[in-house]
Every structure is written in structure tokens, then in C-alpha cells.
Amino acid sequence: SDVDLKQWALDDQGSWVTYVPSFVPKPAAVLEELIRDIPWGQGKVKIFGKEHLERRLTAFYADDGKQYRYSGGPLRSPIAFEKGPMIIREIRNKVSKVCGQQFNCCLLNYYRDGSDNIGMHSDDEKLFGRNPSIACISLGADRDFFLDSKKGGNKVRISPRNGSLL
């Protein structure tokens, strides 16, 4: 395909990241639609045994009623892709086509301002399987995105542009 991309190896175990700028056409309109149409909620996480409100809003879409758990607790019940906005399905289909595989769930994070964030974490939940592929669409303001292999290797800092795919 005619996709402009950059790729970095994170380690010698097969972990890598691919960056595709300008993946989502009209990203400002897509972001506006998602902010308006998604049933956002603010979850809680446990950090060192203490419960805190997440510093972002989230929504979770999935096939098969999959339950997504992290930091000590489950998210709200997943929403079936068919019940979400059409744009979610369109982006999922485009990501699946470019990546050559079907994705079974979609966690949306809405960072309302510069103080909303998520810290370093591992996307290693059992739901994803043993060697998962994680796709991330960035919409809105540029933010630094850090990747670090648990097995040693390269640390990668990327500033994804509005509408890009990691």
C-alpha cells in the first residue's frame, strides 16, 4: 500500500513500533464527533493499594463482551462495536486492514487538557493474548509518547501528530 510509515525496533525479541502520520483524514472533525458521541466515564485505579480517580476519561468497545481489567479493577462493561458510533467501526476496519489483523477491542482515552495523562504501564492483560499488537490513534494536541521494552533495548520517544497511528 501507499502508506507513509516509520518503524523502530524496541528490542531483539521482536518488539517494534510503527508510526503512520496522517492516518485519519479530517482528525479535528473525528475528535469532535468522538467527544460528542462517546459515553465517557472516569474510572478508578489502585496505586500502591490506594484508590484514585483516573486522570482522563475512558470508554471501552469490544467484541464478545470482553472485560478489560487494569490497575486492580475492571472498566465499565464494554460496549459492543455495533452500538457505538460508525466512526469507531470505520477506524477499526482501517487499522485492521493496514496492520493485517482484526482487533477485538478499543479503549478510548480522552485527555481533556495538559494535566490529564496516563503513566508508564504495560499492555499485558490476558485479554490481549501472549504477544499482542496494540494500535493507538492520536487525535488532538501533540503529546509525547514513550515506549520502553521490559527486556532491555531501545527507549523510544515519539510525538504523534494529530490523526496519526502507532
N, C-alpha and C. Protein backbone atom coordinates (compact mmCIF):
# COMPACT_ATOMS: atom_id res chain seq x y z
N SER A 1 0.84 -1.19 0.00
CA SER A 1 0.00 0.00 0.00
C SER A 1 0.87 1.24 0.00
N ASP A 2 0.25 2.39 -0.20
CA ASP A 2 0.98 3.66 -0.26
C ASP A 2 0.95 4.37 1.09
N VAL A 3 1.23 3.66 2.16
CA VAL A 3 1.20 4.24 3.50
C VAL A 3 2.60 4.73 3.86
N ASP A 4 2.69 6.01 4.26
CA ASP A 4 3.95 6.60 4.72
C ASP A 4 4.15 6.15 6.16
N LEU A 5 5.23 5.43 6.46
CA LEU A 5 5.44 4.98 7.83
C LEU A 5 6.91 4.98 8.21
N LYS A 6 7.13 4.99 9.53
CA LYS A 6 8.46 4.85 10.10
C LYS A 6 8.37 3.71 11.09
N GLN A 7 9.48 2.97 11.25
CA GLN A 7 9.45 1.82 12.15
C GLN A 7 10.72 1.78 13.00
N TRP A 8 10.56 1.41 14.30
CA TRP A 8 11.69 1.28 15.21
C TRP A 8 11.60 -0.07 15.92
N ALA A 9 12.74 -0.73 16.10
CA ALA A 9 12.81 -1.94 16.93
C ALA A 9 12.98 -1.50 18.38
N LEU A 10 12.25 -2.14 19.28
CA LEU A 10 12.38 -1.83 20.70
C LEU A 10 13.39 -2.74 21.38
N ASP A 11 13.52 -3.97 20.88
CA ASP A 11 14.45 -4.93 21.45
C ASP A 11 14.76 -5.97 20.39
N ASP A 12 15.55 -6.97 20.75
CA ASP A 12 15.87 -8.01 19.77
C ASP A 12 14.94 -9.23 19.93
N GLN A 13 13.84 -9.05 20.64
CA GLN A 13 12.87 -10.13 20.86
C GLN A 13 11.65 -10.00 19.94
N GLY A 14 11.68 -9.04 19.04
CA GLY A 14 10.56 -8.88 18.11
C GLY A 14 9.58 -7.78 18.47
N SER A 15 9.91 -6.98 19.48
CA SER A 15 9.05 -5.84 19.83
C SER A 15 9.43 -4.65 18.96
N TRP A 16 8.43 -4.03 18.34
CA TRP A 16 8.70 -2.91 17.46
C TRP A 16 7.52 -1.96 17.46
N VAL A 17 7.73 -0.77 16.97
CA VAL A 17 6.67 0.22 16.84
C VAL A 17 6.72 0.80 15.43
N THR A 18 5.55 0.98 14.87
CA THR A 18 5.41 1.60 13.55
C THR A 18 4.61 2.88 13.73
N TYR A 19 5.05 3.95 13.08
CA TYR A 19 4.37 5.24 13.14
C TYR A 19 3.87 5.61 11.75
N VAL A 20 2.57 5.87 11.65
CA VAL A 20 1.95 6.26 10.38
C VAL A 20 1.32 7.64 10.57
N PRO A 21 1.96 8.71 10.09
CA PRO A 21 1.36 10.05 10.21
C PRO A 21 0.16 10.19 9.28
N SER A 22 -0.70 11.12 9.56
CA SER A 22 -1.85 11.43 8.69
C SER A 22 -2.68 10.20 8.36
N PHE A 23 -2.90 9.34 9.34
CA PHE A 23 -3.65 8.10 9.13
C PHE A 23 -5.16 8.36 9.06
N VAL A 24 -5.64 9.25 9.93
CA VAL A 24 -7.07 9.57 9.99
C VAL A 24 -7.32 10.86 9.23
N PRO A 25 -8.13 10.82 8.16
CA PRO A 25 -8.45 12.06 7.46
C PRO A 25 -9.37 12.94 8.32
N LYS A 26 -9.20 14.23 8.22
CA LYS A 26 -10.02 15.20 8.97
C LYS A 26 -10.05 14.89 10.46
N PRO A 27 -8.88 14.79 11.10
CA PRO A 27 -8.83 14.37 12.51
C PRO A 27 -9.56 15.30 13.46
N ALA A 28 -9.60 16.60 13.19
CA ALA A 28 -10.30 17.53 14.09
C ALA A 28 -11.80 17.21 14.12
N ALA A 29 -12.37 16.91 12.96
CA ALA A 29 -13.80 16.57 12.89
C ALA A 29 -14.07 15.23 13.58
N VAL A 30 -13.15 14.27 13.42
CA VAL A 30 -13.30 12.96 14.07
C VAL A 30 -13.25 13.13 15.59
N LEU A 31 -12.29 13.91 16.08
CA LEU A 31 -12.18 14.15 17.52
C LEU A 31 -13.45 14.80 18.06
N GLU A 32 -13.94 15.80 17.37
CA GLU A 32 -15.16 16.48 17.80
C GLU A 32 -16.33 15.50 17.87
N GLU A 33 -16.45 14.63 16.88
CA GLU A 33 -17.52 13.63 16.87
C GLU A 33 -17.39 12.66 18.04
N LEU A 34 -16.17 12.21 18.32
CA LEU A 34 -15.96 11.28 19.43
C LEU A 34 -16.26 11.93 20.77
N ILE A 35 -15.79 13.16 20.96
CA ILE A 35 -16.06 13.86 22.23
C ILE A 35 -17.56 13.98 22.44
N ARG A 36 -18.28 14.28 21.38
CA ARG A 36 -19.73 14.48 21.46
C ARG A 36 -20.50 13.16 21.65
N ASP A 37 -20.10 12.09 20.95
CA ASP A 37 -20.94 10.89 20.85
C ASP A 37 -20.54 9.71 21.74
N ILE A 38 -19.39 9.76 22.36
CA ILE A 38 -18.93 8.64 23.20
C ILE A 38 -19.46 8.84 24.63
N PRO A 39 -19.94 7.77 25.28
CA PRO A 39 -20.37 7.87 26.68
C PRO A 39 -19.16 7.79 27.63
N TRP A 40 -18.45 8.89 27.76
CA TRP A 40 -17.21 8.93 28.54
C TRP A 40 -17.49 8.72 30.03
N GLY A 41 -16.55 8.10 30.72
CA GLY A 41 -16.63 7.94 32.16
C GLY A 41 -15.25 8.06 32.77
N GLN A 42 -15.20 8.37 34.05
CA GLN A 42 -13.92 8.47 34.75
C GLN A 42 -13.81 7.29 35.71
N GLY A 43 -12.88 6.40 35.42
CA GLY A 43 -12.70 5.21 36.23
C GLY A 43 -11.81 5.45 37.43
N LYS A 44 -11.61 4.39 38.19
CA LYS A 44 -10.73 4.43 39.36
C LYS A 44 -9.63 3.40 39.16
N VAL A 45 -8.44 3.71 39.67
CA VAL A 45 -7.32 2.78 39.63
C VAL A 45 -6.75 2.65 41.03
N LYS A 46 -6.11 1.51 41.29
CA LYS A 46 -5.41 1.31 42.56
C LYS A 46 -3.92 1.48 42.32
N ILE A 47 -3.32 2.37 43.08
CA ILE A 47 -1.88 2.59 43.02
C ILE A 47 -1.34 2.44 44.43
N PHE A 48 -0.46 1.47 44.61
CA PHE A 48 0.08 1.13 45.94
C PHE A 48 -1.04 0.93 46.95
N GLY A 49 -2.10 0.23 46.53
CA GLY A 49 -3.20 -0.12 47.41
C GLY A 49 -4.21 0.97 47.66
N LYS A 50 -4.00 2.16 47.12
CA LYS A 50 -4.92 3.27 47.35
C LYS A 50 -5.68 3.59 46.06
N GLU A 51 -6.99 3.81 46.19
CA GLU A 51 -7.82 4.07 45.01
C GLU A 51 -7.77 5.56 44.63
N HIS A 52 -7.63 5.80 43.33
CA HIS A 52 -7.58 7.17 42.79
C HIS A 52 -8.47 7.25 41.56
N LEU A 53 -9.01 8.45 41.30
CA LEU A 53 -9.69 8.67 40.03
C LEU A 53 -8.66 8.74 38.92
N GLU A 54 -8.96 8.15 37.77
CA GLU A 54 -8.06 8.25 36.63
C GLU A 54 -7.96 9.71 36.18
N ARG A 55 -6.78 10.06 35.66
CA ARG A 55 -6.57 11.43 35.19
C ARG A 55 -6.87 11.51 33.69
N ARG A 56 -8.03 10.98 33.33
CA ARG A 56 -8.51 11.02 31.95
C ARG A 56 -9.91 10.41 31.96
N LEU A 57 -10.63 10.57 30.87
CA LEU A 57 -11.91 9.91 30.70
C LEU A 57 -11.71 8.73 29.75
N THR A 58 -12.51 7.69 29.92
CA THR A 58 -12.34 6.49 29.09
C THR A 58 -13.69 5.96 28.61
N ALA A 59 -13.61 5.15 27.57
CA ALA A 59 -14.73 4.35 27.09
C ALA A 59 -14.12 3.09 26.49
N PHE A 60 -14.85 1.99 26.53
CA PHE A 60 -14.31 0.71 26.07
C PHE A 60 -15.31 0.01 25.16
N TYR A 61 -14.86 -0.32 23.97
CA TYR A 61 -15.66 -1.07 23.00
C TYR A 61 -14.99 -2.42 22.77
N ALA A 62 -15.81 -3.47 22.62
CA ALA A 62 -15.22 -4.81 22.46
C ALA A 62 -16.16 -5.77 21.75
N ASP A 63 -15.56 -6.81 21.18
CA ASP A 63 -16.29 -7.97 20.68
C ASP A 63 -16.54 -8.91 21.84
N ASP A 64 -17.55 -9.73 21.74
CA ASP A 64 -17.75 -10.86 22.67
C ASP A 64 -17.89 -10.47 24.13
N GLY A 65 -18.23 -9.24 24.45
CA GLY A 65 -18.37 -8.83 25.84
C GLY A 65 -17.10 -8.95 26.65
N LYS A 66 -15.95 -8.84 26.00
CA LYS A 66 -14.66 -8.98 26.69
C LYS A 66 -14.55 -7.94 27.82
N GLN A 67 -14.07 -8.37 28.96
CA GLN A 67 -13.88 -7.47 30.10
C GLN A 67 -12.42 -7.07 30.17
N TYR A 68 -12.17 -5.80 30.26
CA TYR A 68 -10.80 -5.28 30.29
C TYR A 68 -10.49 -4.81 31.70
N ARG A 69 -9.43 -5.37 32.30
CA ARG A 69 -9.04 -5.03 33.67
C ARG A 69 -7.63 -4.46 33.67
N TYR A 70 -7.41 -3.48 34.51
CA TYR A 70 -6.05 -2.98 34.72
C TYR A 70 -6.00 -2.24 36.05
N SER A 71 -4.83 -2.14 36.61
CA SER A 71 -4.60 -1.44 37.87
C SER A 71 -5.63 -1.78 38.94
N GLY A 72 -5.93 -3.06 39.06
CA GLY A 72 -6.75 -3.51 40.17
C GLY A 72 -8.24 -3.52 39.96
N GLY A 73 -8.74 -3.13 38.81
CA GLY A 73 -10.18 -3.15 38.65
C GLY A 73 -10.62 -3.17 37.21
N PRO A 74 -11.88 -3.60 36.98
CA PRO A 74 -12.40 -3.62 35.61
C PRO A 74 -12.92 -2.26 35.19
N LEU A 75 -12.92 -2.01 33.91
CA LEU A 75 -13.61 -0.84 33.37
C LEU A 75 -15.10 -1.13 33.42
N ARG A 76 -15.89 -0.11 33.14
CA ARG A 76 -17.31 -0.35 32.99
C ARG A 76 -17.51 -1.46 31.95
N SER A 77 -18.68 -2.03 31.93
CA SER A 77 -18.96 -3.08 30.95
C SER A 77 -18.67 -2.56 29.55
N PRO A 78 -18.10 -3.41 28.72
CA PRO A 78 -17.78 -2.97 27.36
C PRO A 78 -19.04 -2.71 26.54
N ILE A 79 -18.90 -1.83 25.58
CA ILE A 79 -19.97 -1.53 24.63
C ILE A 79 -19.66 -2.30 23.36
N ALA A 80 -20.66 -2.96 22.79
CA ALA A 80 -20.45 -3.68 21.53
C ALA A 80 -20.14 -2.67 20.43
N PHE A 81 -19.19 -3.02 19.56
CA PHE A 81 -18.82 -2.12 18.46
C PHE A 81 -20.05 -1.66 17.68
N GLU A 82 -21.01 -2.56 17.44
CA GLU A 82 -22.19 -2.23 16.64
C GLU A 82 -23.03 -1.14 17.29
N LYS A 83 -22.92 -0.98 18.61
CA LYS A 83 -23.73 0.02 19.32
C LYS A 83 -23.02 1.36 19.44
N GLY A 84 -21.77 1.41 19.00
CA GLY A 84 -21.02 2.66 19.07
C GLY A 84 -21.16 3.47 17.80
N PRO A 85 -20.58 4.66 17.79
CA PRO A 85 -20.62 5.49 16.59
C PRO A 85 -19.95 4.79 15.41
N MET A 86 -20.48 5.02 14.23
CA MET A 86 -19.95 4.42 12.99
C MET A 86 -18.46 4.71 12.84
N ILE A 87 -18.00 5.89 13.27
CA ILE A 87 -16.59 6.28 13.09
C ILE A 87 -15.66 5.30 13.80
N ILE A 88 -16.09 4.74 14.94
CA ILE A 88 -15.28 3.75 15.67
C ILE A 88 -15.06 2.52 14.78
N ARG A 89 -16.13 2.03 14.16
CA ARG A 89 -16.02 0.85 13.28
C ARG A 89 -15.19 1.16 12.05
N GLU A 90 -15.36 2.36 11.48
CA GLU A 90 -14.58 2.73 10.30
C GLU A 90 -13.09 2.77 10.61
N ILE A 91 -12.72 3.38 11.73
CA ILE A 91 -11.30 3.46 12.10
C ILE A 91 -10.77 2.06 12.41
N ARG A 92 -11.54 1.27 13.15
CA ARG A 92 -11.12 -0.10 13.46
C ARG A 92 -10.85 -0.89 12.17
N ASN A 93 -11.74 -0.79 11.20
CA ASN A 93 -11.56 -1.51 9.93
C ASN A 93 -10.31 -1.04 9.20
N LYS A 94 -10.06 0.26 9.19
CA LYS A 94 -8.88 0.79 8.51
C LYS A 94 -7.60 0.34 9.21
N VAL A 95 -7.59 0.38 10.55
CA VAL A 95 -6.43 -0.08 11.32
C VAL A 95 -6.19 -1.56 11.05
N SER A 96 -7.26 -2.36 11.08
CA SER A 96 -7.13 -3.80 10.83
C SER A 96 -6.55 -4.08 9.45
N LYS A 97 -6.99 -3.32 8.46
CA LYS A 97 -6.50 -3.51 7.09
C LYS A 97 -5.01 -3.18 6.99
N VAL A 98 -4.60 -2.05 7.56
CA VAL A 98 -3.19 -1.64 7.49
C VAL A 98 -2.30 -2.59 8.30
N CYS A 99 -2.80 -3.05 9.45
CA CYS A 99 -2.00 -3.92 10.32
C CYS A 99 -2.09 -5.40 9.94
N GLY A 100 -3.04 -5.75 9.10
CA GLY A 100 -3.16 -7.14 8.67
C GLY A 100 -3.73 -8.07 9.71
N GLN A 101 -4.51 -7.54 10.64
CA GLN A 101 -5.15 -8.38 11.65
C GLN A 101 -6.37 -7.67 12.21
N GLN A 102 -7.30 -8.45 12.76
CA GLN A 102 -8.52 -7.89 13.33
C GLN A 102 -8.28 -7.57 14.81
N PHE A 103 -8.67 -6.39 15.24
CA PHE A 103 -8.55 -6.00 16.64
C PHE A 103 -9.88 -6.27 17.34
N ASN A 104 -9.82 -6.85 18.56
CA ASN A 104 -11.03 -7.29 19.24
C ASN A 104 -11.59 -6.29 20.24
N CYS A 105 -10.87 -5.20 20.49
CA CYS A 105 -11.37 -4.22 21.44
C CYS A 105 -10.73 -2.85 21.17
N CYS A 106 -11.33 -1.84 21.77
CA CYS A 106 -10.86 -0.47 21.58
C CYS A 106 -11.06 0.30 22.88
N LEU A 107 -9.98 0.71 23.50
CA LEU A 107 -10.04 1.57 24.68
C LEU A 107 -9.80 2.99 24.21
N LEU A 108 -10.73 3.88 24.49
CA LEU A 108 -10.58 5.29 24.14
C LEU A 108 -10.20 6.05 25.40
N ASN A 109 -9.16 6.86 25.30
CA ASN A 109 -8.74 7.74 26.38
C ASN A 109 -8.95 9.17 25.92
N TYR A 110 -9.64 9.96 26.72
CA TYR A 110 -9.88 11.37 26.40
C TYR A 110 -9.11 12.20 27.42
N TYR A 111 -8.04 12.83 26.93
CA TYR A 111 -7.22 13.71 27.75
C TYR A 111 -7.77 15.12 27.57
N ARG A 112 -8.48 15.62 28.58
CA ARG A 112 -9.21 16.88 28.45
C ARG A 112 -8.30 18.09 28.37
N ASP A 113 -7.15 18.00 29.00
CA ASP A 113 -6.22 19.13 28.99
C ASP A 113 -4.82 18.60 29.30
N GLY A 114 -3.86 19.50 29.47
CA GLY A 114 -2.47 19.10 29.69
C GLY A 114 -2.22 18.37 30.99
N SER A 115 -3.16 18.43 31.94
CA SER A 115 -2.93 17.73 33.21
C SER A 115 -3.46 16.29 33.17
N ASP A 116 -4.33 15.97 32.24
CA ASP A 116 -4.78 14.58 32.09
C ASP A 116 -3.66 13.77 31.45
N ASN A 117 -3.46 12.54 31.94
CA ASN A 117 -2.39 11.70 31.38
C ASN A 117 -2.54 10.26 31.85
N ILE A 118 -1.65 9.44 31.35
CA ILE A 118 -1.52 8.06 31.83
C ILE A 118 -0.02 7.82 32.00
N GLY A 119 0.34 7.18 33.09
CA GLY A 119 1.76 6.92 33.36
C GLY A 119 2.26 5.71 32.59
N MET A 120 3.55 5.41 32.77
CA MET A 120 4.13 4.23 32.14
C MET A 120 3.35 3.00 32.62
N HIS A 121 3.09 2.11 31.69
CA HIS A 121 2.33 0.90 32.00
C HIS A 121 2.63 -0.16 30.95
N SER A 122 2.16 -1.35 31.20
CA SER A 122 2.30 -2.45 30.24
C SER A 122 0.92 -2.84 29.76
N ASP A 123 0.77 -2.99 28.48
CA ASP A 123 -0.47 -3.53 27.93
C ASP A 123 -0.33 -5.04 27.87
N ASP A 124 -0.33 -5.67 29.05
CA ASP A 124 -0.07 -7.11 29.14
C ASP A 124 -1.23 -7.88 29.76
N GLU A 125 -2.43 -7.34 29.66
CA GLU A 125 -3.59 -8.01 30.20
C GLU A 125 -3.86 -9.30 29.42
N LYS A 126 -4.38 -10.31 30.11
CA LYS A 126 -4.64 -11.62 29.49
C LYS A 126 -5.56 -11.51 28.28
N LEU A 127 -6.46 -10.56 28.31
CA LEU A 127 -7.39 -10.33 27.20
C LEU A 127 -6.66 -10.19 25.87
N PHE A 128 -5.46 -9.62 25.89
CA PHE A 128 -4.72 -9.34 24.66
C PHE A 128 -3.95 -10.54 24.12
N GLY A 129 -3.83 -11.61 24.91
CA GLY A 129 -3.06 -12.77 24.46
C GLY A 129 -1.57 -12.60 24.77
N ARG A 130 -0.77 -13.57 24.31
CA ARG A 130 0.64 -13.64 24.69
C ARG A 130 1.53 -12.58 24.04
N ASN A 131 1.40 -12.36 22.78
CA ASN A 131 2.22 -11.37 22.07
C ASN A 131 1.31 -10.41 21.32
N PRO A 132 0.67 -9.51 22.05
CA PRO A 132 -0.37 -8.68 21.43
C PRO A 132 0.19 -7.58 20.53
N SER A 133 -0.64 -7.20 19.60
CA SER A 133 -0.40 -5.99 18.82
C SER A 133 -1.34 -4.93 19.37
N ILE A 134 -0.80 -3.77 19.66
CA ILE A 134 -1.58 -2.66 20.19
C ILE A 134 -1.52 -1.54 19.16
N ALA A 135 -2.66 -1.03 18.76
CA ALA A 135 -2.71 0.09 17.82
C ALA A 135 -3.23 1.31 18.58
N CYS A 136 -2.64 2.45 18.32
CA CYS A 136 -3.02 3.68 19.01
C CYS A 136 -3.22 4.79 17.98
N ILE A 137 -4.39 5.40 18.00
CA ILE A 137 -4.68 6.55 17.15
C ILE A 137 -4.55 7.79 18.03
N SER A 138 -3.83 8.78 17.57
CA SER A 138 -3.68 10.03 18.32
C SER A 138 -4.50 11.13 17.64
N LEU A 139 -5.40 11.72 18.42
CA LEU A 139 -6.23 12.82 17.92
C LEU A 139 -6.07 14.01 18.85
N GLY A 140 -6.03 15.21 18.30
CA GLY A 140 -5.93 16.41 19.12
C GLY A 140 -4.50 16.89 19.22
N ALA A 141 -4.17 17.48 20.37
CA ALA A 141 -2.85 18.08 20.58
C ALA A 141 -1.75 17.02 20.55
N ASP A 142 -0.57 17.42 20.10
CA ASP A 142 0.60 16.54 20.14
C ASP A 142 0.97 16.29 21.60
N ARG A 143 1.31 15.05 21.93
CA ARG A 143 1.78 14.68 23.27
C ARG A 143 2.92 13.71 23.08
N ASP A 144 3.87 13.76 23.99
CA ASP A 144 4.96 12.79 23.93
C ASP A 144 4.43 11.41 24.32
N PHE A 145 4.91 10.41 23.63
CA PHE A 145 4.52 9.02 23.82
C PHE A 145 5.82 8.25 23.99
N PHE A 146 6.00 7.60 25.14
CA PHE A 146 7.25 6.90 25.45
C PHE A 146 7.03 5.40 25.39
N LEU A 147 7.96 4.69 24.77
CA LEU A 147 7.93 3.23 24.70
C LEU A 147 9.26 2.70 25.21
N ASP A 148 9.17 1.67 26.05
CA ASP A 148 10.37 1.10 26.64
C ASP A 148 10.14 -0.41 26.77
N SER A 149 11.04 -1.20 26.24
CA SER A 149 10.91 -2.65 26.32
C SER A 149 11.26 -3.13 27.73
N LYS A 150 10.49 -4.07 28.25
CA LYS A 150 10.80 -4.68 29.55
C LYS A 150 12.07 -5.52 29.47
N LYS A 151 12.43 -5.94 28.26
CA LYS A 151 13.55 -6.84 28.06
C LYS A 151 14.85 -6.09 27.80
N GLY A 152 14.87 -4.81 28.05
CA GLY A 152 16.04 -4.01 27.69
C GLY A 152 15.95 -3.66 26.22
N GLY A 153 16.77 -2.76 25.80
CA GLY A 153 16.72 -2.37 24.39
C GLY A 153 16.51 -0.88 24.27
N ASN A 154 15.92 -0.48 23.17
CA ASN A 154 15.76 0.94 22.88
C ASN A 154 14.59 1.55 23.64
N LYS A 155 14.79 2.79 24.06
CA LYS A 155 13.69 3.61 24.57
C LYS A 155 13.33 4.55 23.44
N VAL A 156 12.05 4.61 23.13
CA VAL A 156 11.60 5.42 22.00
C VAL A 156 10.67 6.50 22.52
N ARG A 157 10.91 7.73 22.10
CA ARG A 157 10.02 8.85 22.40
C ARG A 157 9.48 9.36 21.07
N ILE A 158 8.17 9.38 20.97
CA ILE A 158 7.51 9.81 19.75
C ILE A 158 6.53 10.92 20.13
N SER A 159 6.37 11.90 19.29
CA SER A 159 5.33 12.92 19.47
C SER A 159 4.33 12.76 18.34
N PRO A 160 3.36 11.84 18.51
CA PRO A 160 2.42 11.57 17.43
C PRO A 160 1.63 12.82 17.04
N ARG A 161 1.50 13.02 15.77
CA ARG A 161 0.74 14.16 15.25
C ARG A 161 -0.76 13.83 15.25
N ASN A 162 -1.56 14.86 15.21
CA ASN A 162 -3.00 14.72 15.14
C ASN A 162 -3.37 13.83 13.95
N GLY A 163 -4.10 12.75 14.22
CA GLY A 163 -4.54 11.85 13.16
C GLY A 163 -3.59 10.71 12.84
N SER A 164 -2.54 10.55 13.63
CA SER A 164 -1.54 9.51 13.33
C SER A 164 -1.89 8.17 14.00
N LEU A 165 -1.22 7.13 13.52
CA LEU A 165 -1.37 5.77 14.04
C LEU A 165 -0.03 5.28 14.56
N LEU A 166 -0.02 4.69 15.75
CA LEU A 166 1.15 3.99 16.28
C LEU A 166 0.77 2.53 16.38
